[in-house]
Structures are given as C-alpha cells and as structure tokens.
Amino acid sequence: MKELVEIIAKTLVDHPEEVVVTETDNGKELVLELKVAPSDMGKVIGKQGRIAKAVRSVVKAAASRENKKVVLEIQ
C-alpha cells in the first residue's frame, strides 16, 4: 500500500523528492501518512478534496483485496 500511495503522489506533485509516506499498523487498520512539500499540498488535495478522495478510493480498493482497512492521512 505504501508504494502505491508513493507512486500516485509523486506523479501529482512538482517536487517528487519531498514525498514521504509512512506506514503504521495498529492491529485493526493500516494508517498511511502522506507528507508533501507545502507548495504541492493543493495538487494532492485538489479542488474540494476530489483528488484526495480519489486516492483514498484507490487505496481502499487495493486494501479490500487483502481484507485490510486502510486510512490515508495527508499531512
């Protein structure tokens, strides 16, 4: 999951070298934290959060194949 979020985020931003994804498994769910450059935050979130929702949908679909619950937090 971490790699999937990383690939998607790097294609969206102007500074792909600053994309950092951390993965935390707390038993019930997998928490992914996405950090990007402040100037790229708008590109990752999108207008009215549409891009962020789309990325979360893709990650949840991939996680459902493995019967896991994934939470994506954009920092």
Foldseek 3Di string as FASTA:
>chain_A
DQVLLLVVLLVQFPCSVQWDWDWDDPPQAIEIEIEHPPVRPCSCQDVVRPNVVVSLVVVQVVVVVVPHHYHYHYD
